[in-house]
Amino acid sequence: MKVAVGADHAGYLLKSEVAKHLADTGHQVVDLGTDSEDPVDYPMYCAAVGRAVVRGEADLGIVMGGSGQGEQIAANKVHGVRAALCLDEFTARLARRHNDANVLSMGGRIVAPAFAFSIVDTFLSEEFEGDRHVRRLAQVAQIEQEECTDKGKDGGAI
């Protein structure tokens, strides 16, 4: 599987460990930065990962920062991204099964590398269940589309 990874300075060390783990387990890694612990702003790295996934340049993406919160928010601004903050295997499993998440977000100041590997492996191995979740994701996609047009700009109900 081809996996795009990106992080800010606070997630850099975890990104390095996760990228190595991915390569060691046979995945192709697309590293979109950052390349050090020098302070940087995370949005551009998260957007780059999201765009790589949406464009089909990667099958899935992983973004990392201090907490993973901002990284998830930034990645989700890319049309078509469904980023999930997962700090354990359970949330990673449900993010894929129920939400068809295509980007995983983790916090390098929260999750130790060995535990992150387990979260990543779970996220990559799970499949979307479909069924009742298809209808819900269609509703999410409808909201996303409306927000890209004037129809959703007034904050009105669907």
C-alpha atoms as a PDB file:
ATOM      1  CA  MET A   1       0.000   0.000   0.000  1.00  0.00           C
ATOM      2  CA  LYS A   2       1.183   3.537  -0.734  1.00  0.00           C
ATOM      3  CA  VAL A   3       0.926   5.774   2.345  1.00  0.00           C
ATOM      4  CA  ALA A   4       1.536   9.532   2.428  1.00  0.00           C
ATOM      5  CA  VAL A   5       2.918  10.862   5.707  1.00  0.00           C
ATOM      6  CA  GLY A   6       3.358  14.396   6.957  1.00  0.00           C
ATOM      7  CA  ALA A   7       4.045  16.146  10.227  1.00  0.00           C
ATOM      8  CA  ASP A   8       5.025  19.382  11.843  1.00  0.00           C
ATOM      9  CA  HIS A   9       8.044  19.717  14.124  1.00  0.00           C
ATOM     10  CA  ALA A  10       6.182  18.227  17.108  1.00  0.00           C
ATOM     11  CA  GLY A  11       5.255  15.146  15.097  1.00  0.00           C
ATOM     12  CA  TYR A  12       8.537  14.820  13.224  1.00  0.00           C
ATOM     13  CA  LEU A  13      10.105  12.143  15.447  1.00  0.00           C
ATOM     14  CA  LEU A  14       6.941  10.029  15.402  1.00  0.00           C
ATOM     15  CA  LYS A  15       6.644  10.500  11.623  1.00  0.00           C
ATOM     16  CA  SER A  16      10.216   9.244  11.197  1.00  0.00           C
ATOM     17  CA  GLU A  17       9.494   6.147  13.277  1.00  0.00           C
ATOM     18  CA  VAL A  18       6.153   5.492  11.548  1.00  0.00           C
ATOM     19  CA  ALA A  19       7.685   5.929   8.076  1.00  0.00           C
ATOM     20  CA  LYS A  20      10.386   3.385   8.943  1.00  0.00           C
ATOM     21  CA  HIS A  21       7.776   0.988  10.323  1.00  0.00           C
ATOM     22  CA  LEU A  22       5.696   1.346   7.161  1.00  0.00           C
ATOM     23  CA  ALA A  23       8.691   0.674   4.913  1.00  0.00           C
ATOM     24  CA  ASP A  24       9.789  -2.265   7.077  1.00  0.00           C
ATOM     25  CA  THR A  25       6.333  -3.820   6.741  1.00  0.00           C
ATOM     26  CA  GLY A  26       6.305  -3.532   2.948  1.00  0.00           C
ATOM     27  CA  HIS A  27       4.434  -0.283   2.359  1.00  0.00           C
ATOM     28  CA  GLN A  28       5.566   2.450   0.006  1.00  0.00           C
ATOM     29  CA  VAL A  29       6.009   5.732   1.885  1.00  0.00           C
ATOM     30  CA  VAL A  30       5.452   9.167   0.380  1.00  0.00           C
ATOM     31  CA  ASP A  31       7.082  11.524   2.898  1.00  0.00           C
ATOM     32  CA  LEU A  32       5.703  15.043   2.492  1.00  0.00           C
ATOM     33  CA  GLY A  33       7.685  16.619   5.331  1.00  0.00           C
ATOM     34  CA  THR A  34       8.696  18.235   7.553  1.00  0.00           C
ATOM     35  CA  ASP A  35      12.277  17.039   7.713  1.00  0.00           C
ATOM     36  CA  SER A  36      13.398  18.205  11.166  1.00  0.00           C
ATOM     37  CA  GLU A  37      12.304  19.393  14.582  1.00  0.00           C
ATOM     38  CA  ASP A  38      12.714  23.029  13.506  1.00  0.00           C
ATOM     39  CA  PRO A  39       9.420  24.847  14.184  1.00  0.00           C
ATOM     40  CA  VAL A  40       7.012  24.927  11.230  1.00  0.00           C
ATOM     41  CA  ASP A  41       3.289  25.455  10.766  1.00  0.00           C
ATOM     42  CA  TYR A  42       1.391  22.191  10.288  1.00  0.00           C
ATOM     43  CA  PRO A  43      -1.467  23.111   7.873  1.00  0.00           C
ATOM     44  CA  MET A  44       0.550  22.886   4.653  1.00  0.00           C
ATOM     45  CA  TYR A  45       1.904  19.426   5.516  1.00  0.00           C
ATOM     46  CA  CYS A  46      -1.546  18.100   6.408  1.00  0.00           C
ATOM     47  CA  ALA A  47      -3.085  19.566   3.265  1.00  0.00           C
ATOM     48  CA  ALA A  48      -0.324  17.993   1.175  1.00  0.00           C
ATOM     49  CA  VAL A  49      -1.071  14.559   2.657  1.00  0.00           C
ATOM     50  CA  GLY A  50      -4.808  15.016   2.142  1.00  0.00           C
ATOM     51  CA  ARG A  51      -4.342  16.160  -1.434  1.00  0.00           C
ATOM     52  CA  ALA A  52      -2.086  13.190  -2.190  1.00  0.00           C
ATOM     53  CA  VAL A  53      -4.807  10.829  -0.988  1.00  0.00           C
ATOM     54  CA  VAL A  54      -7.647  12.593  -2.818  1.00  0.00           C
ATOM     55  CA  ARG A  55      -5.635  12.738  -6.055  1.00  0.00           C
ATOM     56  CA  GLY A  56      -4.863   9.020  -5.847  1.00  0.00           C
ATOM     57  CA  GLU A  57      -1.133   9.563  -5.336  1.00  0.00           C
ATOM     58  CA  ALA A  58      -1.446   7.581  -2.079  1.00  0.00           C
ATOM     59  CA  ASP A  59      -3.948   5.012  -0.868  1.00  0.00           C
ATOM     60  CA  LEU A  60      -4.132   6.441   2.644  1.00  0.00           C
ATOM     61  CA  GLY A  61      -2.465   9.205   4.624  1.00  0.00           C
ATOM     62  CA  ILE A  62      -1.093   9.777   8.101  1.00  0.00           C
ATOM     63  CA  VAL A  63      -0.568  13.206   9.678  1.00  0.00           C
ATOM     64  CA  MET A  64       1.187  13.820  12.979  1.00  0.00           C
ATOM     65  CA  GLY A  65       1.745  16.748  15.297  1.00  0.00           C
ATOM     66  CA  GLY A  66       1.910  17.371  19.016  1.00  0.00           C
ATOM     67  CA  SER A  67      -1.649  16.306  19.770  1.00  0.00           C
ATOM     68  CA  GLY A  68      -2.931  15.427  16.302  1.00  0.00           C
ATOM     69  CA  GLN A  69      -5.939  17.719  16.795  1.00  0.00           C
ATOM     70  CA  GLY A  70      -4.878  20.589  14.543  1.00  0.00           C
ATOM     71  CA  GLU A  71      -3.489  18.177  12.001  1.00  0.00           C
ATOM     72  CA  GLN A  72      -6.834  16.381  11.748  1.00  0.00           C
ATOM     73  CA  ILE A  73      -8.665  19.688  11.364  1.00  0.00           C
ATOM     74  CA  ALA A  74      -6.285  20.925   8.660  1.00  0.00           C
ATOM     75  CA  ALA A  75      -6.410  17.661   6.705  1.00  0.00           C
ATOM     76  CA  ASN A  76     -10.209  17.691   6.826  1.00  0.00           C
ATOM     77  CA  LYS A  77     -10.267  21.041   5.026  1.00  0.00           C
ATOM     78  CA  VAL A  78      -9.206  19.231   1.853  1.00  0.00           C
ATOM     79  CA  HIS A  79     -12.330  18.319  -0.109  1.00  0.00           C
ATOM     80  CA  GLY A  80     -12.716  14.527   0.007  1.00  0.00           C
ATOM     81  CA  VAL A  81     -10.576  13.887   3.068  1.00  0.00           C
ATOM     82  CA  ARG A  82     -12.031  12.067   6.041  1.00  0.00           C
ATOM     83  CA  ALA A  83      -9.309  12.415   8.664  1.00  0.00           C
ATOM     84  CA  ALA A  84      -9.716  10.741  12.036  1.00  0.00           C
ATOM     85  CA  LEU A  85      -7.784  11.449  15.225  1.00  0.00           C
ATOM     86  CA  CYS A  86      -6.992   7.997  16.603  1.00  0.00           C
ATOM     87  CA  LEU A  87      -5.129   7.532  19.840  1.00  0.00           C
ATOM     88  CA  ASP A  88      -5.853   3.805  20.166  1.00  0.00           C
ATOM     89  CA  GLU A  89      -6.636   0.769  18.017  1.00  0.00           C
ATOM     90  CA  PHE A  90     -10.374   0.908  18.750  1.00  0.00           C
ATOM     91  CA  THR A  91     -10.839   4.382  17.281  1.00  0.00           C
ATOM     92  CA  ALA A  92      -8.613   3.461  14.322  1.00  0.00           C
ATOM     93  CA  ARG A  93     -10.703   0.359  13.650  1.00  0.00           C
ATOM     94  CA  LEU A  94     -14.011   2.244  13.764  1.00  0.00           C
ATOM     95  CA  ALA A  95     -12.638   5.170  11.763  1.00  0.00           C
ATOM     96  CA  ARG A  96     -12.001   2.809   8.855  1.00  0.00           C
ATOM     97  CA  ARG A  97     -14.995   0.471   9.301  1.00  0.00           C
ATOM     98  CA  HIS A  98     -17.683   3.090   9.933  1.00  0.00           C
ATOM     99  CA  ASN A  99     -16.324   6.363   8.546  1.00  0.00           C
ATOM    100  CA  ASP A 100     -14.148   5.143   5.675  1.00  0.00           C
ATOM    101  CA  ALA A 101     -11.443   7.441   7.036  1.00  0.00           C
ATOM    102  CA  ASN A 102      -8.669   7.966   4.521  1.00  0.00           C
ATOM    103  CA  VAL A 103      -6.269   9.932   6.729  1.00  0.00           C
ATOM    104  CA  LEU A 104      -5.115   8.954  10.206  1.00  0.00           C
ATOM    105  CA  SER A 105      -4.055  11.666  12.647  1.00  0.00           C
ATOM    106  CA  MET A 106      -1.914  11.008  15.737  1.00  0.00           C
ATOM    107  CA  GLY A 107      -0.160  13.051  18.380  1.00  0.00           C
ATOM    108  CA  GLY A 108       3.566  12.611  18.792  1.00  0.00           C
ATOM    109  CA  ARG A 109       3.376  14.032  22.323  1.00  0.00           C
ATOM    110  CA  ILE A 110       0.629  11.562  23.227  1.00  0.00           C
ATOM    111  CA  VAL A 111       1.329   8.261  21.451  1.00  0.00           C
ATOM    112  CA  ALA A 112       4.602   6.370  21.892  1.00  0.00           C
ATOM    113  CA  PRO A 113       6.085   4.895  18.696  1.00  0.00           C
ATOM    114  CA  ALA A 114       5.426   1.237  19.580  1.00  0.00           C
ATOM    115  CA  PHE A 115       1.760   1.995  20.281  1.00  0.00           C
ATOM    116  CA  ALA A 116       1.565   4.182  17.159  1.00  0.00           C
ATOM    117  CA  PHE A 117       2.705   1.192  15.069  1.00  0.00           C
ATOM    118  CA  SER A 118      -0.238  -0.819  16.393  1.00  0.00           C
ATOM    119  CA  ILE A 119      -2.659   2.035  15.628  1.00  0.00           C
ATOM    120  CA  VAL A 120      -1.213   2.406  12.119  1.00  0.00           C
ATOM    121  CA  ASP A 121      -1.356  -1.339  11.448  1.00  0.00           C
ATOM    122  CA  THR A 122      -4.982  -1.429  12.587  1.00  0.00           C
ATOM    123  CA  PHE A 123      -5.909   1.586  10.453  1.00  0.00           C
ATOM    124  CA  LEU A 124      -4.254   0.126   7.351  1.00  0.00           C
ATOM    125  CA  SER A 125      -5.708  -3.355   7.760  1.00  0.00           C
ATOM    126  CA  GLU A 126      -9.355  -2.432   8.297  1.00  0.00           C
ATOM    127  CA  GLU A 127     -11.921  -2.142   5.505  1.00  0.00           C
ATOM    128  CA  PHE A 128     -15.010   0.049   5.213  1.00  0.00           C
ATOM    129  CA  GLU A 129     -18.123  -1.956   6.180  1.00  0.00           C
ATOM    130  CA  GLY A 130     -20.477  -0.124   3.836  1.00  0.00           C
ATOM    131  CA  ASP A 131     -24.109  -0.926   4.632  1.00  0.00           C
ATOM    132  CA  ARG A 132     -25.751   1.725   6.840  1.00  0.00           C
ATOM    133  CA  HIS A 133     -22.574   3.804   6.842  1.00  0.00           C
ATOM    134  CA  VAL A 134     -22.825   4.537   3.099  1.00  0.00           C
ATOM    135  CA  ARG A 135     -25.947   6.642   3.656  1.00  0.00           C
ATOM    136  CA  ARG A 136     -24.283   8.606   6.448  1.00  0.00           C
ATOM    137  CA  LEU A 137     -21.134   9.283   4.453  1.00  0.00           C
ATOM    138  CA  ALA A 138     -23.277  10.452   1.555  1.00  0.00           C
ATOM    139  CA  GLN A 139     -24.853  12.961   3.929  1.00  0.00           C
ATOM    140  CA  VAL A 140     -21.407  14.129   5.040  1.00  0.00           C
ATOM    141  CA  ALA A 141     -20.370  14.497   1.390  1.00  0.00           C
ATOM    142  CA  GLN A 142     -23.548  16.507   0.737  1.00  0.00           C
ATOM    143  CA  ILE A 143     -22.680  18.902   3.557  1.00  0.00           C
ATOM    144  CA  GLU A 144     -19.149  19.216   2.209  1.00  0.00           C
ATOM    145  CA  GLN A 145     -20.466  20.001  -1.268  1.00  0.00           C
ATOM    146  CA  GLU A 146     -22.945  22.559   0.041  1.00  0.00           C
ATOM    147  CA  GLU A 147     -20.173  24.310   1.939  1.00  0.00           C
ATOM    148  CA  CYS A 148     -18.296  24.681  -1.352  1.00  0.00           C
ATOM    149  CA  THR A 149     -21.214  26.571  -2.872  1.00  0.00           C
ATOM    150  CA  ASP A 150     -23.303  29.574  -1.889  1.00  0.00           C
ATOM    151  CA  LYS A 151     -26.072  27.223  -0.725  1.00  0.00           C
ATOM    152  CA  GLY A 152     -24.236  26.388   2.490  1.00  0.00           C
ATOM    153  CA  LYS A 153     -22.746  29.800   3.225  1.00  0.00           C
ATOM    154  CA  ASP A 154     -25.732  31.115   5.181  1.00  0.00           C
ATOM    155  CA  GLY A 155     -25.535  28.373   7.803  1.00  0.00           C
ATOM    156  CA  GLY A 156     -28.991  27.094   6.875  1.00  0.00           C
ATOM    157  CA  ALA A 157     -30.232  23.594   7.559  1.00  0.00           C
ATOM    158  CA  ILE A 158     -29.958  20.837   5.005  1.00  0.00           C
END
